[in-house]
Protein backbone atom coordinates (compact mmCIF):
# COMPACT_ATOMS: atom_id res chain seq x y z
CA MET A 1 -6.24 -11.60 6.05
CA GLU A 2 -9.08 -12.38 3.62
CA ASN A 3 -11.57 -11.21 6.25
CA LEU A 4 -9.67 -7.95 6.68
CA ILE A 5 -9.65 -7.34 2.93
CA ALA A 6 -13.39 -8.01 2.69
CA LYS A 7 -14.02 -5.67 5.62
CA ALA A 8 -11.88 -2.95 4.01
CA LEU A 9 -13.90 -3.23 0.79
CA GLU A 10 -17.13 -3.00 2.77
CA GLU A 11 -16.18 -0.30 5.27
CA LEU A 12 -13.49 1.80 3.58
CA GLY A 13 -14.30 1.34 -0.10
CA SER A 14 -18.07 1.63 -0.02
CA GLU A 15 -20.27 4.45 -1.34
CA LYS A 16 -20.98 7.53 0.77
CA THR A 17 -23.51 6.83 3.50
CA PRO A 18 -26.36 9.27 4.30
CA ASP A 19 -25.00 10.03 7.79
CA GLU A 20 -21.47 10.70 6.51
CA SER A 21 -20.18 14.16 5.63
CA THR A 22 -18.39 14.70 2.34
CA ALA A 23 -15.11 15.31 4.22
CA GLU A 24 -15.50 12.05 6.20
CA PHE A 25 -16.27 10.13 3.00
CA GLU A 26 -13.28 11.56 1.13
CA LEU A 27 -10.94 10.81 4.06
CA ARG A 28 -12.25 7.23 4.17
CA LEU A 29 -11.51 6.83 0.44
CA GLN A 30 -7.94 8.04 0.99
CA GLN A 31 -7.57 5.40 3.71
CA PHE A 32 -8.93 2.79 1.28
CA LYS A 33 -6.33 3.76 -1.35
CA ILE A 34 -3.55 3.44 1.24
CA PHE A 35 -4.88 0.02 2.24
CA LEU A 36 -4.99 -1.16 -1.40
CA LEU A 37 -1.45 0.02 -2.10
CA GLY A 38 -0.13 -1.57 1.11
CA ILE A 39 -1.73 -5.00 0.77
CA GLY A 40 -1.96 -5.14 -3.03
CA ALA A 41 1.42 -3.73 -4.03
CA GLY A 42 3.53 -3.85 -0.85
CA LEU A 43 4.36 -0.16 -1.07
CA ARG A 44 6.09 1.70 1.73
CA ARG A 45 4.47 4.67 3.49
CA LYS A 46 6.55 7.32 1.71
CA GLU A 47 6.05 5.57 -1.65
CA ILE A 48 2.28 5.68 -1.14
CA ASP A 49 2.31 9.28 0.08
CA SER A 50 4.21 10.52 -2.97
CA LEU A 51 2.67 8.23 -5.62
CA LEU A 52 1.28 10.09 -8.63
CA TRP A 53 -1.58 8.86 -10.79
CA THR A 54 0.75 9.03 -13.80
CA GLN A 55 2.81 6.21 -12.23
CA ILE A 56 -0.08 3.74 -12.44
CA GLU A 57 -0.67 1.89 -15.71
CA PHE A 58 -4.24 0.60 -15.30
CA ASP A 59 -4.36 -1.25 -18.63
CA VAL A 60 -1.26 -3.37 -17.91
CA CYS A 61 -1.85 -3.55 -14.12
CA GLU A 62 1.44 -1.99 -13.04
CA ILE A 63 2.77 0.71 -10.76
CA ARG A 64 6.05 2.36 -11.77
CA LEU A 65 8.04 3.29 -8.70
CA GLU A 66 10.46 5.98 -9.70
CA ALA A 67 11.82 9.15 -8.24
CA ASN A 68 9.65 12.16 -8.97
CA GLU A 69 9.75 15.85 -8.17
CA HIS A 70 8.25 15.13 -4.73
CA TYR A 71 10.20 12.06 -3.64
CA GLY A 72 13.55 10.33 -4.06
CA LEU A 73 13.46 6.56 -3.66
CA LYS A 74 14.73 4.77 -0.54
CA SER A 75 17.46 2.98 -2.51
CA ASP A 76 18.44 2.05 -6.07
CA SER A 77 16.65 -1.30 -5.68
CA SER A 78 13.43 0.54 -4.78
CA SER A 79 12.99 1.69 -8.38
CA ALA A 80 10.82 -0.93 -10.02
CA THR A 81 7.68 -1.78 -11.88
CA VAL A 82 5.29 -3.45 -9.45
CA PRO A 83 2.62 -5.68 -10.95
CA ILE A 84 -0.82 -5.46 -9.32
CA ASP A 85 -3.86 -7.70 -9.57
CA GLN A 86 -6.44 -6.75 -12.16
CA GLU A 87 -9.02 -6.19 -9.40
CA ILE A 88 -6.72 -3.73 -7.61
CA ALA A 89 -6.08 -1.92 -10.92
CA LYS A 90 -9.84 -1.64 -11.55
CA LEU A 91 -10.51 -0.30 -8.05
CA LEU A 92 -7.71 2.26 -8.39
CA GLU A 93 -8.92 3.30 -11.84
CA THR A 94 -12.43 3.89 -10.48
CA LEU A 95 -10.94 6.00 -7.68
CA TYR A 96 -8.79 7.87 -10.22
CA HIS A 97 -11.89 9.06 -12.10
CA SER A 98 -13.17 10.81 -8.97
CA SER A 99 -9.79 12.19 -7.89
CA LYS A 100 -9.03 15.88 -7.70
CA GLY A 101 -5.26 16.05 -7.98
CA GLU A 102 -2.05 14.51 -9.22
CA PHE A 103 -1.42 12.40 -6.08
CA VAL A 104 -3.14 9.05 -5.62
CA VAL A 105 -3.65 9.80 -1.93
CA GLU A 106 -5.08 13.29 -1.64
CA SER A 107 -4.23 15.70 1.14
CA ARG A 108 -4.72 19.38 1.77
CA HIS A 109 -1.06 19.50 2.82
CA PRO A 110 1.55 20.20 0.13
CA PRO A 111 4.56 17.98 -0.53
CA LYS A 112 7.84 18.97 1.12
CA PRO A 113 10.50 17.08 -0.85
CA ASN A 114 13.35 18.83 0.92
CA ALA A 115 12.08 18.42 4.47
CA SER A 116 14.84 17.50 6.90
CA TYR A 117 12.42 15.36 8.91
CA SER A 118 10.03 12.51 8.12
CA TYR A 119 7.18 14.44 6.54
CA ILE A 120 4.03 12.67 5.33
CA ARG A 121 1.60 14.84 3.35
CA ALA A 122 -1.40 12.61 4.02
CA GLN A 123 -0.64 11.88 7.69
CA VAL A 124 -4.30 12.34 8.68
CA ALA A 125 -5.38 9.58 6.27
CA PHE A 126 -2.52 7.29 7.35
CA SER A 127 -3.37 7.78 11.05
CA GLY A 128 -7.03 7.02 10.37
CA LEU A 129 -6.12 3.83 8.55
CA TYR A 130 -3.76 2.79 11.37
CA ARG A 131 -6.63 3.24 13.83
CA TRP A 132 -8.98 1.22 11.60
CA LEU A 133 -6.41 -1.58 11.19
CA ARG A 134 -5.85 -1.79 14.96
CA GLU A 135 -9.61 -1.87 15.56
CA ASN A 136 -9.77 -4.77 13.14
CA GLY A 137 -7.10 -6.95 14.71
CA VAL A 138 -3.78 -5.73 13.29
CA ALA A 139 -1.66 -5.58 16.43
CA ASP A 140 1.65 -4.69 14.77
CA GLN A 141 3.36 -1.56 16.04
CA LYS A 142 3.48 -0.37 12.40
CA PRO A 143 0.12 -1.45 10.96
CA LEU A 144 0.85 -0.37 7.38
CA HIS A 145 4.10 -2.32 7.49
CA ALA A 146 2.03 -5.35 8.59
CA LEU A 147 0.21 -5.09 5.24
CA ARG A 148 3.55 -5.00 3.42
CA LYS A 149 4.71 -8.06 5.39
CA GLU A 150 1.51 -9.90 4.50
CA TYR A 151 2.01 -8.98 0.84
CA GLY A 152 5.56 -10.42 0.97
CA SER A 153 4.36 -13.56 2.75
CA ILE A 154 1.67 -14.17 0.13
CA ILE A 155 4.17 -13.75 -2.71
CA ASN A 156 6.61 -16.11 -0.94
CA LYS A 157 3.95 -18.74 -0.33
CA ASN A 158 2.74 -18.70 -3.93
CA HIS A 159 5.96 -18.02 -5.83
CA GLY A 160 8.96 -18.47 -3.53
CA LEU A 161 11.47 -16.41 -1.60
CA PHE A 162 13.25 -14.90 -4.61
CA ALA A 163 9.92 -13.66 -6.03
CA ALA A 164 9.10 -12.11 -2.63
CA GLN A 165 12.49 -10.39 -2.55
CA CYS A 166 11.88 -8.94 -6.03
CA ALA A 167 8.31 -7.90 -5.20
CA LEU A 168 9.40 -6.17 -1.98
CA ARG A 169 12.40 -4.65 -3.77
CA HIS A 170 14.96 -5.72 -1.18
CA ALA A 171 18.61 -5.51 -2.18
CA ASP A 172 19.45 -8.47 0.09
CA ILE A 173 17.38 -11.65 0.23
CA SER A 174 18.20 -12.08 3.94
CA THR A 175 16.07 -8.99 4.69
CA THR A 176 13.13 -10.70 3.03
CA ALA A 177 13.76 -14.01 4.77
CA ASN A 178 14.33 -12.52 8.24
CA HIS A 179 11.59 -9.92 8.44
CA TYR A 180 8.83 -10.45 5.90
CA LEU A 181 7.94 -14.10 5.81
CA ASP A 182 5.46 -16.09 7.81
CA ALA A 183 7.72 -18.42 9.80
CA SER A 184 4.78 -19.99 11.63
CA GLU A 185 3.88 -22.24 8.70
CA ARG A 186 5.29 -25.73 9.14
CA ILE A 187 7.06 -26.85 5.99
CA THR A 188 8.00 -30.47 5.42
CA PRO A 189 9.16 -32.28 2.28
CA GLN A 190 6.11 -34.62 2.41
CA ILE A 191 8.12 -37.64 1.26
């Protein structure tokens, strides 16, 4: 995963190249923001799509997940304050200064909070990131969810299952244990 993160910084988060149009560059930056929020905060697709800049506290390195005028949360346990690494906060703050709207991930499509179907404002950016992730070895059917799983696995490895459950905002710890943890690691008591 470290290689994928380094590649995302290099390919998605880099400055505009001479052969790149402004539209291509801006789309790539939207993909980079989605990547950062998936791997660095474990956010769900709809949470990322509806996240407002006002929900990010750069100075204390936190994202406040709360219902807003564009989105109601998945469940009561989804409302939370998600801590993010200082490096992620700095990257997002830099991207904020060049942003053009209230949403973290920009799109020319308006929000549809009352849509009766699964509507994603920034679907073009999400699809582009999915393609990029698959090209770079993420074979999961839901590539963004693979980033969320990796986020949960890292939290579990470093801080334990309960911390992973809290970070992923699961109501039931069995969801975290069954679906989000790397079961391939061999754990022994090392007596």
